Amino acid sequence: MNLKISNSVILILLVLFVSCSGIMKSEENSYFVWIVGDVKIISDGVEKSAELNGVIKKTDTIITGEKSYAAVRINENAMIKLSENSEINFDIILNPGDKSLLLKKGEVTARVDKLLKDDNFEIKTPTALAAVRGTIYSVRYDETGDNIIIVAVLEGKVEVTERNSNKKETASSKQTIVVKSEDQLLEIRDMTEDEELMNASIKDIPVLKKVKIDAQELNRKNTEMMDKVKVIRNKNTEAKRKAMPKSLAEIKEQYGRIDKIILYNGKVIQGVIIKRGEKWTVLIPGKYIYIDSKTVQDTPPSM
């Protein structure tokens, strides 16, 4: 089923683990432990290249480029690994034991050890809401045609709430929740091979500061893992492409309507509007296209 996402939805992942030790006391204890390729940090409005052991502060943003990755240790009890072409913001500190991160695009994998009873570790995205109880999980904001949020849990449990309808679903270990917000749907399924590979890869990065990171070996393992993931995801993308409607008749059969979009330059586009916002996602026969909302003059009633 194709997905439609509302920009008004927020995904919040709360990792709540009980332990006798370990609490996030300050964002000053967040710093880079592994960097590959083009990794930038925006701090106090200034963009610069990330450096090993460089501190990440409240409101800082990390951006990874093509074939670029970064791992950040957060105190002695958490680690996040940012995949290529991703962007994450160290959003806010809610309370002394809380950490909030905003995934703006791409994919992040998190491993959290030893939170105190009332501590929270949050990852948000632009589109859904969830409460996670697990030590290893990943969040992927898929900005391609479907615009979905994928929360995959390797260990523990995750409870996801679709914000508009307040519907909830809980996934256990090796399960995934797919958030389809505009349809007010939460789908639960088994974790796929690529999701399991992404989640397991963070185990290669030691959380404890005293354990030395072998960057060369980590780079080798990461390259090997990502090669496998890309092969799997490319196959999935090709399968989805082949399954796309090839004509307006097939689109209407699947969606029950045909939308007409009239642009200021006189061009008329027919298909189905998947997502509105600054950029519209529109499915036309055989592919998705993206339209700047400022170029749209009118959208007559659907046929």
C-alpha atoms as a PDB file:
ATOM      1  CA  MET A   1       0.000   0.000   0.000  1.00  0.00           C
ATOM      2  CA  ASN A   2       1.380   3.451  -0.857  1.00  0.00           C
ATOM      3  CA  LEU A   3       1.756   5.803   2.050  1.00  0.00           C
ATOM      4  CA  LYS A   4       0.690   9.390   2.699  1.00  0.00           C
ATOM      5  CA  ILE A   5       2.326  11.348   5.499  1.00  0.00           C
ATOM      6  CA  SER A   6       1.029  14.405   7.318  1.00  0.00           C
ATOM      7  CA  ASN A   7       3.636  16.980   8.291  1.00  0.00           C
ATOM      8  CA  SER A   8       1.801  17.644  11.544  1.00  0.00           C
ATOM      9  CA  VAL A   9       2.783  14.332  13.068  1.00  0.00           C
ATOM     10  CA  ILE A  10       5.826  13.896  15.314  1.00  0.00           C
ATOM     11  CA  LEU A  11       7.582  10.634  16.052  1.00  0.00           C
ATOM     12  CA  ILE A  12       8.981  10.463  19.582  1.00  0.00           C
ATOM     13  CA  LEU A  13      10.883   7.442  20.709  1.00  0.00           C
ATOM     14  CA  LEU A  14      11.303   7.131  24.455  1.00  0.00           C
ATOM     15  CA  VAL A  15      13.730   4.525  25.676  1.00  0.00           C
ATOM     16  CA  LEU A  16      12.887   3.763  29.277  1.00  0.00           C
ATOM     17  CA  PHE A  17      15.194   1.303  31.008  1.00  0.00           C
ATOM     18  CA  VAL A  18      15.541   0.630  34.730  1.00  0.00           C
ATOM     19  CA  SER A  19      19.058   0.307  36.091  1.00  0.00           C
ATOM     20  CA  CYS A  20      20.956   0.894  39.275  1.00  0.00           C
ATOM     21  CA  SER A  21      23.515   3.073  37.537  1.00  0.00           C
ATOM     22  CA  GLY A  22      24.007   5.398  34.588  1.00  0.00           C
ATOM     23  CA  ILE A  23      22.230   8.688  33.975  1.00  0.00           C
ATOM     24  CA  MET A  24      22.552  11.336  31.287  1.00  0.00           C
ATOM     25  CA  LYS A  25      23.640  14.402  33.181  1.00  0.00           C
ATOM     26  CA  SER A  26      24.875  16.764  30.500  1.00  0.00           C
ATOM     27  CA  GLU A  27      24.959  17.183  26.742  1.00  0.00           C
ATOM     28  CA  GLU A  28      28.619  18.121  27.182  1.00  0.00           C
ATOM     29  CA  ASN A  29      29.317  14.371  27.471  1.00  0.00           C
ATOM     30  CA  SER A  30      28.211  13.779  23.884  1.00  0.00           C
ATOM     31  CA  TYR A  31      31.143  13.505  21.491  1.00  0.00           C
ATOM     32  CA  PHE A  32      32.296  11.883  18.245  1.00  0.00           C
ATOM     33  CA  VAL A  33      34.037   8.511  18.559  1.00  0.00           C
ATOM     34  CA  TRP A  34      34.040   7.469  14.893  1.00  0.00           C
ATOM     35  CA  ILE A  35      33.905   9.497  11.682  1.00  0.00           C
ATOM     36  CA  VAL A  36      34.053   8.348   8.054  1.00  0.00           C
ATOM     37  CA  GLY A  37      33.939  10.666   5.034  1.00  0.00           C
ATOM     38  CA  ASP A  38      32.146  14.012   4.895  1.00  0.00           C
ATOM     39  CA  VAL A  39      30.602  14.662   8.301  1.00  0.00           C
ATOM     40  CA  LYS A  40      29.634  18.215   9.275  1.00  0.00           C
ATOM     41  CA  ILE A  41      28.488  19.731  12.550  1.00  0.00           C
ATOM     42  CA  ILE A  42      26.525  22.966  12.793  1.00  0.00           C
ATOM     43  CA  SER A  43      27.121  24.612  16.170  1.00  0.00           C
ATOM     44  CA  ASP A  44      25.964  28.111  17.111  1.00  0.00           C
ATOM     45  CA  GLY A  45      25.081  28.687  13.458  1.00  0.00           C
ATOM     46  CA  VAL A  46      28.561  27.826  12.191  1.00  0.00           C
ATOM     47  CA  GLU A  47      29.146  24.755   9.993  1.00  0.00           C
ATOM     48  CA  LYS A  48      32.462  22.933  10.251  1.00  0.00           C
ATOM     49  CA  SER A  49      33.930  19.485   9.703  1.00  0.00           C
ATOM     50  CA  ALA A  50      33.372  17.081  12.573  1.00  0.00           C
ATOM     51  CA  GLU A  51      36.439  15.920  14.514  1.00  0.00           C
ATOM     52  CA  LEU A  52      37.106  12.859  16.636  1.00  0.00           C
ATOM     53  CA  ASN A  53      36.367  13.600  20.305  1.00  0.00           C
ATOM     54  CA  GLY A  54      34.634  16.814  19.264  1.00  0.00           C
ATOM     55  CA  VAL A  55      31.838  17.725  21.672  1.00  0.00           C
ATOM     56  CA  ILE A  56      28.205  17.943  20.541  1.00  0.00           C
ATOM     57  CA  LYS A  57      26.140  20.491  22.467  1.00  0.00           C
ATOM     58  CA  LYS A  58      22.452  21.217  22.852  1.00  0.00           C
ATOM     59  CA  THR A  59      20.913  22.418  19.525  1.00  0.00           C
ATOM     60  CA  ASP A  60      23.924  21.218  17.453  1.00  0.00           C
ATOM     61  CA  THR A  61      23.196  19.451  14.166  1.00  0.00           C
ATOM     62  CA  ILE A  62      25.178  16.619  12.558  1.00  0.00           C
ATOM     63  CA  ILE A  63      25.023  16.053   8.785  1.00  0.00           C
ATOM     64  CA  THR A  64      26.540  13.110   6.906  1.00  0.00           C
ATOM     65  CA  GLY A  65      27.222  13.072   3.181  1.00  0.00           C
ATOM     66  CA  GLU A  66      27.385  10.268   0.634  1.00  0.00           C
ATOM     67  CA  LYS A  67      29.264   7.208   1.972  1.00  0.00           C
ATOM     68  CA  SER A  68      29.812   9.083   5.230  1.00  0.00           C
ATOM     69  CA  TYR A  69      29.044   7.913   8.765  1.00  0.00           C
ATOM     70  CA  ALA A  70      29.445   9.025  12.359  1.00  0.00           C
ATOM     71  CA  ALA A  71      29.094   7.547  15.815  1.00  0.00           C
ATOM     72  CA  VAL A  72      28.458   9.638  18.918  1.00  0.00           C
ATOM     73  CA  ARG A  73      28.899   8.429  22.475  1.00  0.00           C
ATOM     74  CA  ILE A  74      26.405   9.981  24.873  1.00  0.00           C
ATOM     75  CA  ASN A  75      27.849   9.734  28.381  1.00  0.00           C
ATOM     76  CA  GLU A  76      28.816   6.184  29.281  1.00  0.00           C
ATOM     77  CA  ASN A  77      25.453   4.601  28.534  1.00  0.00           C
ATOM     78  CA  ALA A  78      24.375   5.400  24.987  1.00  0.00           C
ATOM     79  CA  MET A  79      25.676   5.351  21.441  1.00  0.00           C
ATOM     80  CA  ILE A  80      24.122   6.524  18.190  1.00  0.00           C
ATOM     81  CA  LYS A  81      25.327   5.718  14.690  1.00  0.00           C
ATOM     82  CA  LEU A  82      24.286   8.041  11.881  1.00  0.00           C
ATOM     83  CA  SER A  83      24.100   6.561   8.383  1.00  0.00           C
ATOM     84  CA  GLU A  84      25.033   8.293   5.148  1.00  0.00           C
ATOM     85  CA  ASN A  85      22.916  11.184   3.797  1.00  0.00           C
ATOM     86  CA  SER A  86      21.379  11.793   7.208  1.00  0.00           C
ATOM     87  CA  GLU A  87      20.782  14.766   9.474  1.00  0.00           C
ATOM     88  CA  ILE A  88      20.139  14.780  13.202  1.00  0.00           C
ATOM     89  CA  ASN A  89      19.744  17.613  15.670  1.00  0.00           C
ATOM     90  CA  PHE A  90      20.555  17.465  19.383  1.00  0.00           C
ATOM     91  CA  ASP A  91      17.226  19.071  20.054  1.00  0.00           C
ATOM     92  CA  ILE A  92      16.615  19.797  23.745  1.00  0.00           C
ATOM     93  CA  ILE A  93      17.363  18.575  27.211  1.00  0.00           C
ATOM     94  CA  LEU A  94      13.980  18.113  28.882  1.00  0.00           C
ATOM     95  CA  ASN A  95      15.251  17.162  32.342  1.00  0.00           C
ATOM     96  CA  PRO A  96      18.674  16.244  33.737  1.00  0.00           C
ATOM     97  CA  GLY A  97      18.096  12.604  32.761  1.00  0.00           C
ATOM     98  CA  ASP A  98      16.580  13.271  29.331  1.00  0.00           C
ATOM     99  CA  LYS A  99      18.146  13.480  25.885  1.00  0.00           C
ATOM    100  CA  SER A 100      16.155  14.505  22.804  1.00  0.00           C
ATOM    101  CA  LEU A 101      17.349  14.057  19.218  1.00  0.00           C
ATOM    102  CA  LEU A 102      15.539  15.113  16.045  1.00  0.00           C
ATOM    103  CA  LEU A 103      16.134  12.980  12.946  1.00  0.00           C
ATOM    104  CA  LYS A 104      15.422  15.299  10.023  1.00  0.00           C
ATOM    105  CA  LYS A 105      16.311  12.803   7.315  1.00  0.00           C
ATOM    106  CA  GLY A 106      18.075   9.510   6.796  1.00  0.00           C
ATOM    107  CA  GLU A 107      18.658   6.793   9.369  1.00  0.00           C
ATOM    108  CA  VAL A 108      20.033   6.497  12.882  1.00  0.00           C
ATOM    109  CA  THR A 109      20.725   3.417  14.996  1.00  0.00           C
ATOM    110  CA  ALA A 110      20.796   3.724  18.778  1.00  0.00           C
ATOM    111  CA  ARG A 111      22.090   1.547  21.584  1.00  0.00           C
ATOM    112  CA  VAL A 112      21.142   2.542  25.103  1.00  0.00           C
ATOM    113  CA  ASP A 113      22.513   0.865  28.226  1.00  0.00           C
ATOM    114  CA  LYS A 114      21.673   1.531  31.863  1.00  0.00           C
ATOM    115  CA  LEU A 115      19.171   4.362  32.111  1.00  0.00           C
ATOM    116  CA  LEU A 116      17.761   5.197  35.495  1.00  0.00           C
ATOM    117  CA  LYS A 117      14.064   4.527  36.135  1.00  0.00           C
ATOM    118  CA  ASP A 118      12.804   7.996  35.215  1.00  0.00           C
ATOM    119  CA  ASP A 119      15.349   8.790  32.482  1.00  0.00           C
ATOM    120  CA  ASN A 120      14.270   9.245  28.856  1.00  0.00           C
ATOM    121  CA  PHE A 121      16.179   8.958  25.598  1.00  0.00           C
ATOM    122  CA  GLU A 122      14.169  10.400  22.701  1.00  0.00           C
ATOM    123  CA  ILE A 123      14.516  10.282  18.958  1.00  0.00           C
ATOM    124  CA  LYS A 124      11.968  12.301  16.989  1.00  0.00           C
ATOM    125  CA  THR A 125      11.237  12.547  13.268  1.00  0.00           C
ATOM    126  CA  PRO A 126       9.026  14.946  11.332  1.00  0.00           C
ATOM    127  CA  THR A 127       6.139  12.485  11.115  1.00  0.00           C
ATOM    128  CA  ALA A 128       4.879  10.091  13.988  1.00  0.00           C
ATOM    129  CA  LEU A 129       4.925   9.262  17.777  1.00  0.00           C
ATOM    130  CA  ALA A 130       6.306   6.213  19.649  1.00  0.00           C
ATOM    131  CA  ALA A 131       7.552   5.055  23.056  1.00  0.00           C
ATOM    132  CA  VAL A 132      10.483   2.675  22.905  1.00  0.00           C
ATOM    133  CA  ARG A 133      11.601   0.218  25.545  1.00  0.00           C
ATOM    134  CA  GLY A 134      14.667  -1.436  24.098  1.00  0.00           C
ATOM    135  CA  THR A 135      18.408  -1.217  24.023  1.00  0.00           C
ATOM    136  CA  ILE A 136      19.037  -1.476  20.279  1.00  0.00           C
ATOM    137  CA  TYR A 137      16.773  -0.036  17.598  1.00  0.00           C
ATOM    138  CA  SER A 138      16.862   2.056  14.446  1.00  0.00           C
ATOM    139  CA  VAL A 139      14.733   4.855  13.038  1.00  0.00           C
ATOM    140  CA  ARG A 140      14.562   5.482   9.297  1.00  0.00           C
ATOM    141  CA  TYR A 141      12.836   8.480   7.765  1.00  0.00           C
ATOM    142  CA  ASP A 142      12.180   7.391   4.202  1.00  0.00           C
ATOM    143  CA  GLU A 143      11.784  10.563   2.147  1.00  0.00           C
ATOM    144  CA  THR A 144      11.344   8.763  -1.170  1.00  0.00           C
ATOM    145  CA  GLY A 145       7.871   8.517  -2.692  1.00  0.00           C
ATOM    146  CA  ASP A 146       6.150   6.869   0.271  1.00  0.00           C
ATOM    147  CA  ASN A 147       7.522   9.191   2.992  1.00  0.00           C
ATOM    148  CA  ILE A 148       7.297   6.682   5.823  1.00  0.00           C
ATOM    149  CA  ILE A 149       8.813   6.192   9.237  1.00  0.00           C
ATOM    150  CA  ILE A 150      10.280   2.771   9.960  1.00  0.00           C
ATOM    151  CA  VAL A 151      11.088   1.846  13.563  1.00  0.00           C
ATOM    152  CA  ALA A 152      12.966  -1.457  13.783  1.00  0.00           C
ATOM    153  CA  VAL A 153      13.687  -3.017  17.180  1.00  0.00           C
ATOM    154  CA  LEU A 154      16.465  -5.580  17.568  1.00  0.00           C
ATOM    155  CA  GLU A 155      16.127  -5.952  21.349  1.00  0.00           C
ATOM    156  CA  GLY A 156      13.336  -4.944  23.744  1.00  0.00           C
ATOM    157  CA  LYS A 157       9.926  -3.456  22.875  1.00  0.00           C
ATOM    158  CA  VAL A 158       8.553  -0.341  21.212  1.00  0.00           C
ATOM    159  CA  GLU A 159       5.112   1.191  21.530  1.00  0.00           C
ATOM    160  CA  VAL A 160       4.145   3.486  18.670  1.00  0.00           C
ATOM    161  CA  THR A 161       1.228   5.930  18.720  1.00  0.00           C
ATOM    162  CA  GLU A 162      -0.201   7.440  15.548  1.00  0.00           C
ATOM    163  CA  ARG A 163      -0.753  10.997  16.711  1.00  0.00           C
ATOM    164  CA  ASN A 164      -3.858  11.948  14.728  1.00  0.00           C
ATOM    165  CA  SER A 165      -5.900   8.893  15.714  1.00  0.00           C
ATOM    166  CA  ASN A 166      -4.092   8.004  18.964  1.00  0.00           C
ATOM    167  CA  LYS A 167      -3.886   4.403  17.734  1.00  0.00           C
ATOM    168  CA  LYS A 168      -1.106   2.328  19.300  1.00  0.00           C
ATOM    169  CA  GLU A 169       0.912  -0.746  18.406  1.00  0.00           C
ATOM    170  CA  THR A 170       3.727  -2.521  20.260  1.00  0.00           C
ATOM    171  CA  ALA A 171       6.594  -4.354  18.563  1.00  0.00           C
ATOM    172  CA  SER A 172       8.827  -6.855  20.325  1.00  0.00           C
ATOM    173  CA  SER A 173      12.396  -7.893  19.491  1.00  0.00           C
ATOM    174  CA  LYS A 174      13.079  -8.407  15.787  1.00  0.00           C
ATOM    175  CA  GLN A 175       9.865  -6.667  14.804  1.00  0.00           C
ATOM    176  CA  THR A 176       9.297  -3.440  12.902  1.00  0.00           C
ATOM    177  CA  ILE A 177       6.562  -0.814  13.034  1.00  0.00           C
ATOM    178  CA  VAL A 178       5.800   1.143   9.863  1.00  0.00           C
ATOM    179  CA  VAL A 179       4.005   4.438  10.442  1.00  0.00           C
ATOM    180  CA  LYS A 180       1.490   5.565   7.799  1.00  0.00           C
ATOM    181  CA  SER A 181       0.251   8.732   9.424  1.00  0.00           C
ATOM    182  CA  GLU A 182      -2.068  10.285   6.868  1.00  0.00           C
ATOM    183  CA  ASP A 183      -3.847   6.955   6.530  1.00  0.00           C
ATOM    184  CA  GLN A 184      -3.845   6.740  10.360  1.00  0.00           C
ATOM    185  CA  LEU A 185      -2.278   3.305  10.108  1.00  0.00           C
ATOM    186  CA  LEU A 186       0.404   1.489  12.070  1.00  0.00           C
ATOM    187  CA  GLU A 187       1.650  -1.711  10.515  1.00  0.00           C
ATOM    188  CA  ILE A 188       3.679  -4.289  12.421  1.00  0.00           C
ATOM    189  CA  ARG A 189       5.794  -6.877  10.653  1.00  0.00           C
ATOM    190  CA  ASP A 190       8.895  -8.998  11.109  1.00  0.00           C
ATOM    191  CA  MET A 191      12.235  -7.222  10.935  1.00  0.00           C
ATOM    192  CA  THR A 192      13.814  -7.525   7.485  1.00  0.00           C
ATOM    193  CA  GLU A 193      17.363  -8.684   6.803  1.00  0.00           C
ATOM    194  CA  ASP A 194      18.645  -5.178   6.034  1.00  0.00           C
ATOM    195  CA  GLU A 195      17.072  -3.760   9.224  1.00  0.00           C
ATOM    196  CA  GLU A 196      18.667  -6.487  11.317  1.00  0.00           C
ATOM    197  CA  LEU A 197      22.065  -5.810   9.747  1.00  0.00           C
ATOM    198  CA  MET A 198      21.756  -2.067  10.452  1.00  0.00           C
ATOM    199  CA  ASN A 199      20.767  -2.650  14.074  1.00  0.00           C
ATOM    200  CA  ALA A 200      23.407  -5.281  14.770  1.00  0.00           C
ATOM    201  CA  SER A 201      26.171  -3.066  13.360  1.00  0.00           C
ATOM    202  CA  ILE A 202      26.070  -0.761  16.375  1.00  0.00           C
ATOM    203  CA  LYS A 203      27.277  -3.650  18.524  1.00  0.00           C
ATOM    204  CA  ASP A 204      30.654  -3.210  16.820  1.00  0.00           C
ATOM    205  CA  ILE A 205      31.025   0.183  18.544  1.00  0.00           C
ATOM    206  CA  PRO A 206      31.774  -0.120  22.282  1.00  0.00           C
ATOM    207  CA  VAL A 207      29.657   2.082  24.515  1.00  0.00           C
ATOM    208  CA  LEU A 208      32.197   2.169  27.329  1.00  0.00           C
ATOM    209  CA  LYS A 209      34.880   4.816  26.963  1.00  0.00           C
ATOM    210  CA  LYS A 210      37.596   2.539  28.347  1.00  0.00           C
ATOM    211  CA  VAL A 211      37.148   0.097  25.437  1.00  0.00           C
ATOM    212  CA  LYS A 212      39.325   1.237  22.542  1.00  0.00           C
ATOM    213  CA  ILE A 213      37.751   1.574  19.091  1.00  0.00           C
ATOM    214  CA  ASP A 214      39.684  -0.009  16.226  1.00  0.00           C
ATOM    215  CA  ALA A 215      38.708   2.482  13.504  1.00  0.00           C
ATOM    216  CA  GLN A 216      40.257   0.490  10.656  1.00  0.00           C
ATOM    217  CA  GLU A 217      38.419  -2.709  11.592  1.00  0.00           C
ATOM    218  CA  LEU A 218      35.193  -0.771  12.208  1.00  0.00           C
ATOM    219  CA  ASN A 219      35.471   0.836   8.769  1.00  0.00           C
ATOM    220  CA  ARG A 220      35.923  -2.579   7.163  1.00  0.00           C
ATOM    221  CA  LYS A 221      32.913  -4.074   8.947  1.00  0.00           C
ATOM    222  CA  ASN A 222      30.759  -1.038   8.175  1.00  0.00           C
ATOM    223  CA  THR A 223      31.634  -1.105   4.457  1.00  0.00           C
ATOM    224  CA  GLU A 224      30.879  -4.816   4.276  1.00  0.00           C
ATOM    225  CA  MET A 225      27.566  -4.380   6.111  1.00  0.00           C
ATOM    226  CA  MET A 226      26.432  -1.375   4.036  1.00  0.00           C
ATOM    227  CA  ASP A 227      27.250  -3.171   0.784  1.00  0.00           C
ATOM    228  CA  LYS A 228      24.889  -5.972   1.840  1.00  0.00           C
ATOM    229  CA  VAL A 229      22.199  -3.520   2.981  1.00  0.00           C
ATOM    230  CA  LYS A 230      22.310  -1.581  -0.292  1.00  0.00           C
ATOM    231  CA  VAL A 231      21.973  -4.743  -2.371  1.00  0.00           C
ATOM    232  CA  ILE A 232      18.902  -5.759  -0.353  1.00  0.00           C
ATOM    233  CA  ARG A 233      17.311  -2.302  -0.459  1.00  0.00           C
ATOM    234  CA  ASN A 234      18.001  -1.868  -4.174  1.00  0.00           C
ATOM    235  CA  LYS A 235      16.203  -5.147  -4.823  1.00  0.00           C
ATOM    236  CA  ASN A 236      13.277  -3.947  -2.704  1.00  0.00           C
ATOM    237  CA  THR A 237      13.188  -0.607  -4.520  1.00  0.00           C
ATOM    238  CA  GLU A 238      13.193  -2.340  -7.901  1.00  0.00           C
ATOM    239  CA  ALA A 239      10.370  -4.625  -6.788  1.00  0.00           C
ATOM    240  CA  LYS A 240       8.325  -1.607  -5.642  1.00  0.00           C
ATOM    241  CA  ARG A 241       9.038   0.170  -8.948  1.00  0.00           C
ATOM    242  CA  LYS A 242       7.789  -2.823 -10.911  1.00  0.00           C
ATOM    243  CA  ALA A 243       4.665  -2.908  -8.764  1.00  0.00           C
ATOM    244  CA  MET A 244       3.866   0.768  -9.413  1.00  0.00           C
ATOM    245  CA  PRO A 245       0.768   1.594 -11.475  1.00  0.00           C
ATOM    246  CA  LYS A 246       1.774   1.949 -15.118  1.00  0.00           C
ATOM    247  CA  SER A 247      -1.278   3.911 -16.274  1.00  0.00           C
ATOM    248  CA  LEU A 248      -3.837   6.424 -14.987  1.00  0.00           C
ATOM    249  CA  ALA A 249      -6.405   3.621 -15.037  1.00  0.00           C
ATOM    250  CA  GLU A 250      -4.252   1.535 -12.693  1.00  0.00           C
ATOM    251  CA  ILE A 251      -3.698   4.553 -10.409  1.00  0.00           C
ATOM    252  CA  LYS A 252      -7.444   5.178 -10.225  1.00  0.00           C
ATOM    253  CA  GLU A 253      -8.096   1.508  -9.507  1.00  0.00           C
ATOM    254  CA  GLN A 254      -5.612   1.577  -6.612  1.00  0.00           C
ATOM    255  CA  TYR A 255      -6.424   5.026  -5.148  1.00  0.00           C
ATOM    256  CA  GLY A 256      -9.996   5.568  -6.275  1.00  0.00           C
ATOM    257  CA  ARG A 257      -9.281   8.936  -7.868  1.00  0.00           C
ATOM    258  CA  ILE A 258      -7.143  10.930 -10.295  1.00  0.00           C
ATOM    259  CA  ASP A 259      -5.843  14.340  -9.181  1.00  0.00           C
ATOM    260  CA  LYS A 260      -5.238  17.112 -11.698  1.00  0.00           C
ATOM    261  CA  ILE A 261      -2.536  19.675 -10.891  1.00  0.00           C
ATOM    262  CA  ILE A 262      -2.360  22.887 -12.902  1.00  0.00           C
ATOM    263  CA  LEU A 263       0.950  24.765 -12.726  1.00  0.00           C
ATOM    264  CA  TYR A 264       1.469  28.493 -13.292  1.00  0.00           C
ATOM    265  CA  ASN A 265       3.497  27.707 -16.434  1.00  0.00           C
ATOM    266  CA  GLY A 266       0.397  26.087 -17.952  1.00  0.00           C
ATOM    267  CA  LYS A 267       1.533  22.500 -17.529  1.00  0.00           C
ATOM    268  CA  VAL A 268      -1.129  20.010 -16.361  1.00  0.00           C
ATOM    269  CA  ILE A 269      -0.114  16.941 -14.357  1.00  0.00           C
ATOM    270  CA  GLN A 270      -2.416  13.988 -13.741  1.00  0.00           C
ATOM    271  CA  GLY A 271      -1.816  11.328 -11.117  1.00  0.00           C
ATOM    272  CA  VAL A 272      -2.450  11.141  -7.384  1.00  0.00           C
ATOM    273  CA  ILE A 273      -1.110  13.528  -4.743  1.00  0.00           C
ATOM    274  CA  ILE A 274       0.713  11.476  -2.101  1.00  0.00           C
ATOM    275  CA  LYS A 275       2.008  14.306   0.076  1.00  0.00           C
ATOM    276  CA  ARG A 276       1.509  18.071   0.276  1.00  0.00           C
ATOM    277  CA  GLY A 277       3.825  20.631   1.828  1.00  0.00           C
ATOM    278  CA  GLU A 278       6.653  22.761   0.481  1.00  0.00           C
ATOM    279  CA  LYS A 279       7.355  19.881  -1.879  1.00  0.00           C
ATOM    280  CA  TRP A 280       4.460  17.809  -3.180  1.00  0.00           C
ATOM    281  CA  THR A 281       4.947  14.106  -3.874  1.00  0.00           C
ATOM    282  CA  VAL A 282       2.827  12.994  -6.826  1.00  0.00           C
ATOM    283  CA  LEU A 283       2.482   9.500  -8.256  1.00  0.00           C
ATOM    284  CA  ILE A 284       2.141   9.502 -12.028  1.00  0.00           C
ATOM    285  CA  PRO A 285       2.238   6.382 -14.239  1.00  0.00           C
ATOM    286  CA  GLY A 286       5.431   4.474 -13.436  1.00  0.00           C
ATOM    287  CA  LYS A 287       7.110   6.897 -11.028  1.00  0.00           C
ATOM    288  CA  TYR A 288       6.952   9.574  -8.334  1.00  0.00           C
ATOM    289  CA  ILE A 289       7.606  13.220  -9.124  1.00  0.00           C
ATOM    290  CA  TYR A 290       8.191  16.148  -6.768  1.00  0.00           C
ATOM    291  CA  ILE A 291       6.598  19.556  -7.280  1.00  0.00           C
ATOM    292  CA  ASP A 292       7.412  22.864  -5.595  1.00  0.00           C
ATOM    293  CA  SER A 293       4.126  24.000  -4.026  1.00  0.00           C
ATOM    294  CA  LYS A 294       4.804  27.588  -5.155  1.00  0.00           C
ATOM    295  CA  THR A 295       4.465  26.477  -8.770  1.00  0.00           C
ATOM    296  CA  VAL A 296       0.947  25.053  -8.244  1.00  0.00           C
ATOM    297  CA  GLN A 297      -1.862  27.299  -9.487  1.00  0.00           C
ATOM    298  CA  ASP A 298      -4.880  25.061  -8.950  1.00  0.00           C
ATOM    299  CA  THR A 299      -6.030  21.537  -8.141  1.00  0.00           C
ATOM    300  CA  PRO A 300      -9.557  21.006  -9.522  1.00  0.00           C
ATOM    301  CA  PRO A 301     -11.801  18.397  -7.855  1.00  0.00           C
ATOM    302  CA  SER A 302     -10.483  14.848  -8.275  1.00  0.00           C
ATOM    303  CA  MET A 303     -11.926  12.690 -11.022  1.00  0.00           C
END
